[in-house]
Amino acid sequence: MASGKPWTYDELMIAMNLYCKLPFGQLRHGNPLVVEVAKKLGRTPSSLSMKLCNLAALDPYHQARGIKGLSSTSKGDREIWAAFNTDWEGIGVASEERLQQLLGREPADQPVAVASPRKQQPRTFKMPLEVPNGPTEKMLTSKARIGQRFFRQSVLASYNSRCCITGNPVPELLVASHILPWGSHPEQRLNPSNGLCLAQTQDAAFDRGLITFDEDFRLVVGSRLKEYLPSEALEQNFLAYEGKPMQMPDKFLPEAEFMRKHREEVFGRQ
């Protein structure tokens, strides 16, 4: 197993892909996917885990929260971080293709650990990778499907596979919802900071401008929904959370400017 060798651009692209798609607490060297990818790269799991932590040190969200990660970032680390953040659409798809080529398959079984509400012990489930039929995630082409997979995994991993409004943890019911609409902002389609993890009902309302979030990321329920009150369903799904802050992600904080545009351009058209 080679050690101490320079990281190539393709290897850094794969590492950044993993950083985006793995929950923050799963960057460790014992993660089965980290072990598998490291072996395919001819590196040790510890080496790949350290690289993921180096990338975490570059994340502005972690820096703002006082989480510094490792301090041994390289020029290559900074370049690959900048490359993703200037071209999510292109490099997100390219990195996903590189990872599939490396593994010889789609990385379809990526475990995400969450707490069991009954036993209060970690449990593991497989993140579903099918592209939902909802308005924010329609499959258009092969590359679009690859990109949607990258976006979905990145967003769900950031929120530990829980709806940021209700806390719903059922992956089959979760959607990687776009803040800026897919069709009108193609340059932000795969940017995880343009994503929210929402349950399907909340995603449909957000996508249609029936709900939004204010400057402090607190839920705002629109007048159109309130026209249907009294309604137990609306009270349970929306009114119970009105004015409360969303459950923030572990990485890729929602971009404040994107949320402002959603308030003005999507929510504001009610």
Protein backbone atom coordinates (compact mmCIF):
# COMPACT_ATOMS: atom_id res chain seq x y z
CA MET A 1 0.00 0.00 0.00
CA ALA A 2 1.64 3.22 -1.14
CA SER A 3 2.03 6.03 1.38
CA GLY A 4 3.36 9.55 1.24
CA LYS A 5 2.76 9.90 -2.50
CA PRO A 6 1.26 13.14 -3.85
CA TRP A 7 -2.47 13.22 -4.40
CA THR A 8 -3.51 13.51 -8.04
CA TYR A 9 -6.33 15.79 -9.18
CA ASP A 10 -8.60 12.78 -9.84
CA GLU A 11 -7.92 11.41 -6.36
CA LEU A 12 -8.69 14.76 -4.79
CA MET A 13 -11.89 14.94 -6.84
CA ILE A 14 -12.97 11.57 -5.43
CA ALA A 15 -12.04 12.63 -1.89
CA MET A 16 -14.08 15.82 -2.20
CA ASN A 17 -17.00 13.81 -3.55
CA LEU A 18 -16.85 11.64 -0.44
CA TYR A 19 -16.58 14.66 1.83
CA CYS A 20 -19.77 16.05 0.30
CA LYS A 21 -21.72 12.80 0.56
CA LEU A 22 -20.64 11.39 3.93
CA PRO A 23 -22.18 12.68 7.17
CA PHE A 24 -19.69 14.76 9.11
CA GLY A 25 -19.31 12.10 11.81
CA GLN A 26 -18.56 9.39 9.23
CA LEU A 27 -15.24 10.63 7.86
CA ARG A 28 -13.32 8.18 10.03
CA HIS A 29 -10.92 5.56 8.70
CA GLY A 30 -13.16 2.68 9.83
CA ASN A 31 -16.05 3.69 7.57
CA PRO A 32 -16.52 0.78 5.11
CA LEU A 33 -16.78 3.11 2.12
CA VAL A 34 -13.63 4.96 3.15
CA VAL A 35 -11.87 1.61 3.49
CA GLU A 36 -13.05 0.45 0.06
CA VAL A 37 -12.18 3.67 -1.76
CA ALA A 38 -8.78 3.90 -0.06
CA LYS A 39 -7.95 0.36 -1.16
CA LYS A 40 -8.95 1.13 -4.75
CA LEU A 41 -6.75 4.24 -4.67
CA GLY A 42 -3.80 2.31 -3.31
CA ARG A 43 -3.85 4.29 -0.07
CA THR A 44 -4.53 3.54 3.57
CA PRO A 45 -7.92 4.28 5.12
CA SER A 46 -6.17 6.58 7.59
CA SER A 47 -4.64 8.55 4.72
CA LEU A 48 -8.02 9.04 3.03
CA SER A 49 -9.69 9.89 6.35
CA MET A 50 -7.04 12.54 7.00
CA LYS A 51 -7.63 13.99 3.55
CA LEU A 52 -11.37 14.22 4.27
CA CYS A 53 -10.59 16.03 7.53
CA ASN A 54 -8.25 18.39 5.65
CA LEU A 55 -11.15 19.25 3.36
CA ALA A 56 -13.38 19.80 6.40
CA ALA A 57 -10.89 22.42 7.58
CA LEU A 58 -11.64 24.41 4.42
CA ASP A 59 -15.40 24.42 4.94
CA PRO A 60 -16.44 27.99 5.88
CA TYR A 61 -19.39 26.63 7.86
CA HIS A 62 -17.09 24.62 10.13
CA GLN A 63 -14.74 27.56 10.47
CA ALA A 64 -17.64 29.79 11.57
CA ARG A 65 -18.62 27.20 14.17
CA GLY A 66 -15.06 26.97 15.49
CA ILE A 67 -14.48 23.47 14.07
CA LYS A 68 -11.03 23.62 12.54
CA GLY A 69 -10.39 20.01 11.50
CA LEU A 70 -6.81 19.28 10.52
CA SER A 71 -4.46 22.14 9.72
CA SER A 72 -2.31 20.30 7.19
CA THR A 73 -4.27 21.38 4.11
CA SER A 74 -2.31 21.44 0.88
CA LYS A 75 -2.43 23.59 -2.22
CA GLY A 76 -4.21 20.72 -3.96
CA ASP A 77 -6.85 20.60 -1.21
CA ARG A 78 -7.54 24.30 -1.61
CA GLU A 79 -7.65 24.01 -5.40
CA ILE A 80 -10.15 21.14 -5.40
CA TRP A 81 -12.34 22.97 -2.86
CA ALA A 82 -12.32 26.04 -5.09
CA ALA A 83 -12.99 23.94 -8.20
CA PHE A 84 -16.15 22.40 -6.72
CA ASN A 85 -17.40 25.73 -5.40
CA THR A 86 -17.02 27.45 -8.78
CA ASP A 87 -18.51 24.64 -10.89
CA TRP A 88 -20.82 22.36 -8.92
CA GLU A 89 -22.70 21.35 -12.08
CA GLY A 90 -19.63 20.18 -13.99
CA ILE A 91 -17.32 18.81 -11.35
CA GLY A 92 -20.11 17.27 -9.28
CA VAL A 93 -21.05 15.01 -12.20
CA ALA A 94 -17.40 14.37 -13.11
CA SER A 95 -16.49 13.36 -9.57
CA GLU A 96 -19.46 11.01 -9.35
CA GLU A 97 -18.41 9.39 -12.63
CA ARG A 98 -14.83 9.00 -11.34
CA LEU A 99 -16.07 7.34 -8.16
CA GLN A 100 -18.27 4.93 -10.10
CA GLN A 101 -15.36 4.06 -12.38
CA LEU A 102 -13.13 3.46 -9.37
CA LEU A 103 -15.61 1.20 -7.61
CA GLY A 104 -16.92 -0.45 -10.77
CA ARG A 105 -20.48 0.27 -9.68
CA GLU A 106 -22.80 2.94 -8.38
CA PRO A 107 -22.02 3.53 -4.69
CA ALA A 108 -25.56 2.57 -3.81
CA ASP A 109 -25.15 1.35 -0.24
CA GLN A 110 -23.85 4.22 1.82
CA PRO A 111 -24.78 3.89 5.49
CA VAL A 112 -25.92 6.87 7.50
CA ALA A 113 -26.05 6.48 11.28
CA VAL A 114 -28.96 8.08 13.09
CA ALA A 115 -30.30 7.69 16.61
CA SER A 116 -33.15 5.26 17.14
CA PRO A 117 -36.03 7.07 18.89
CA ARG A 118 -36.95 3.91 20.78
CA LYS A 119 -33.63 2.54 21.96
CA GLN A 120 -31.59 5.76 21.79
CA GLN A 121 -28.87 3.69 20.18
CA PRO A 122 -27.29 4.22 16.75
CA ARG A 123 -28.95 2.33 13.95
CA THR A 124 -27.94 2.14 10.34
CA PHE A 125 -29.96 2.22 7.16
CA LYS A 126 -29.14 2.40 3.47
CA MET A 127 -29.64 5.73 1.80
CA PRO A 128 -32.01 5.30 -1.17
CA LEU A 129 -30.58 6.69 -4.38
CA GLU A 130 -33.61 6.62 -6.62
CA VAL A 131 -34.47 10.01 -8.05
CA PRO A 132 -37.92 11.02 -6.74
CA ASN A 133 -40.70 12.08 -9.07
CA GLY A 134 -41.25 15.40 -7.27
CA PRO A 135 -40.89 18.74 -9.05
CA THR A 136 -37.41 19.45 -7.66
CA GLU A 137 -35.78 16.19 -8.75
CA LYS A 138 -36.93 14.94 -12.14
CA MET A 139 -34.56 12.68 -14.04
CA LEU A 140 -33.78 14.23 -17.42
CA THR A 141 -30.63 12.59 -18.86
CA SER A 142 -27.97 10.15 -17.76
CA LYS A 143 -25.71 12.97 -16.58
CA ALA A 144 -28.64 14.68 -14.89
CA ARG A 145 -29.37 11.46 -13.03
CA ILE A 146 -25.75 11.21 -11.91
CA GLY A 147 -25.83 14.82 -10.79
CA GLN A 148 -29.10 14.34 -8.93
CA ARG A 149 -27.61 11.36 -7.10
CA PHE A 150 -24.64 13.47 -6.02
CA PHE A 151 -26.90 16.34 -4.91
CA ARG A 152 -29.34 14.11 -3.03
CA GLN A 153 -26.62 12.25 -1.16
CA SER A 154 -24.78 15.47 -0.31
CA VAL A 155 -27.88 17.19 1.04
CA LEU A 156 -29.20 14.23 3.01
CA ALA A 157 -25.74 13.62 4.50
CA SER A 158 -25.50 17.27 5.56
CA TYR A 159 -28.77 16.99 7.48
CA ASN A 160 -28.10 13.45 8.78
CA SER A 161 -31.11 12.27 6.76
CA ARG A 162 -33.70 14.21 8.74
CA CYS A 163 -36.25 16.76 7.52
CA CYS A 164 -34.98 20.14 8.65
CA ILE A 165 -38.53 21.19 9.63
CA THR A 166 -40.14 18.12 11.21
CA GLY A 167 -37.18 15.84 11.94
CA ASN A 168 -38.75 13.06 9.83
CA PRO A 169 -35.97 10.40 9.56
CA VAL A 170 -37.49 8.05 6.95
CA PRO A 171 -35.18 8.25 3.91
CA GLU A 172 -37.85 7.08 1.48
CA LEU A 173 -39.92 10.12 2.46
CA LEU A 174 -37.11 12.68 2.19
CA VAL A 175 -36.33 14.99 -0.72
CA ALA A 176 -33.20 17.02 -1.47
CA SER A 177 -35.13 20.21 -2.17
CA HIS A 178 -33.64 23.07 -4.17
CA ILE A 179 -33.82 26.56 -2.66
CA LEU A 180 -33.27 28.23 -6.02
CA PRO A 181 -35.38 26.37 -8.59
CA TRP A 182 -33.66 23.75 -10.74
CA GLY A 183 -34.86 25.13 -14.03
CA SER A 184 -34.00 28.81 -13.55
CA HIS A 185 -30.63 28.49 -11.79
CA PRO A 186 -28.67 25.71 -13.55
CA GLU A 187 -25.33 26.88 -12.13
CA GLN A 188 -26.56 26.05 -8.60
CA ARG A 189 -28.28 22.76 -9.36
CA LEU A 190 -25.71 20.59 -7.59
CA ASN A 191 -24.55 23.05 -4.93
CA PRO A 192 -25.34 21.46 -1.53
CA SER A 193 -25.75 24.96 -0.06
CA ASN A 194 -28.70 25.30 -2.45
CA GLY A 195 -30.37 22.31 -0.82
CA LEU A 196 -32.62 21.53 2.11
CA CYS A 197 -33.57 18.10 3.39
CA LEU A 198 -37.36 18.11 3.52
CA ALA A 199 -40.08 15.50 3.87
CA GLN A 200 -42.22 15.22 0.76
CA THR A 201 -45.15 17.30 2.06
CA GLN A 202 -42.88 20.12 3.22
CA ASP A 203 -40.88 19.93 -0.02
CA ALA A 204 -44.01 20.36 -2.12
CA ALA A 205 -45.04 23.40 -0.07
CA PHE A 206 -41.56 24.94 -0.23
CA ASP A 207 -41.25 24.29 -3.97
CA ARG A 208 -44.57 26.04 -4.63
CA GLY A 209 -43.82 29.01 -2.39
CA LEU A 210 -46.36 28.14 0.30
CA ILE A 211 -43.68 28.22 3.00
CA THR A 212 -40.21 29.75 3.29
CA PHE A 213 -37.63 30.71 5.92
CA ASP A 214 -36.76 34.16 7.26
CA GLU A 215 -33.28 35.71 7.74
CA ASP A 216 -32.79 33.60 10.89
CA PHE A 217 -33.89 30.41 9.13
CA ARG A 218 -37.23 30.31 10.99
CA LEU A 219 -40.21 28.80 9.21
CA VAL A 220 -42.66 31.21 7.61
CA VAL A 221 -46.09 29.85 6.67
CA GLY A 222 -47.81 31.72 3.85
CA SER A 223 -51.32 33.10 3.75
CA ARG A 224 -52.33 30.70 0.98
CA LEU A 225 -51.91 27.70 3.32
CA LYS A 226 -53.70 29.52 6.13
CA GLU A 227 -56.76 29.93 3.92
CA TYR A 228 -57.44 26.24 4.57
CA LEU A 229 -57.47 26.55 8.37
CA PRO A 230 -58.75 25.11 10.59
CA SER A 231 -57.14 21.86 9.50
CA GLU A 232 -55.50 19.31 11.76
CA ALA A 233 -53.19 18.20 8.95
CA LEU A 234 -51.94 21.74 8.30
CA GLU A 235 -51.54 22.40 12.01
CA GLN A 236 -49.46 19.25 12.46
CA ASN A 237 -47.34 19.66 9.33
CA PHE A 238 -46.81 23.43 9.30
CA LEU A 239 -48.38 25.56 12.04
CA ALA A 240 -46.68 23.52 14.77
CA TYR A 241 -43.30 24.61 13.37
CA GLU A 242 -44.13 28.19 12.38
CA GLY A 243 -41.59 30.66 13.74
CA LYS A 244 -39.22 27.90 14.83
CA PRO A 245 -35.70 27.64 13.37
CA MET A 246 -34.91 24.83 10.99
CA GLN A 247 -32.67 22.01 12.18
CA MET A 248 -29.35 23.21 10.80
CA PRO A 249 -27.02 20.91 8.82
CA ASP A 250 -23.60 19.72 9.95
CA LYS A 251 -22.06 21.17 6.78
CA PHE A 252 -23.06 23.23 3.74
CA LEU A 253 -25.14 25.89 5.49
CA PRO A 254 -28.02 27.07 3.27
CA GLU A 255 -26.86 30.14 1.38
CA ALA A 256 -28.56 33.23 2.85
CA GLU A 257 -28.72 34.94 -0.55
CA PHE A 258 -30.44 31.90 -2.06
CA MET A 259 -33.01 31.96 0.74
CA ARG A 260 -33.60 35.68 0.19
CA LYS A 261 -34.32 35.02 -3.47
CA HIS A 262 -36.70 32.20 -2.53
CA ARG A 263 -38.61 34.58 -0.25
CA GLU A 264 -38.85 37.23 -2.95
CA GLU A 265 -39.19 35.19 -6.14
CA VAL A 266 -40.97 31.99 -5.07
CA PHE A 267 -42.75 32.70 -1.78
CA GLY A 268 -43.48 36.27 -2.83
CA ARG A 269 -45.57 35.20 -5.84
CA GLN A 270 -48.42 33.80 -3.68
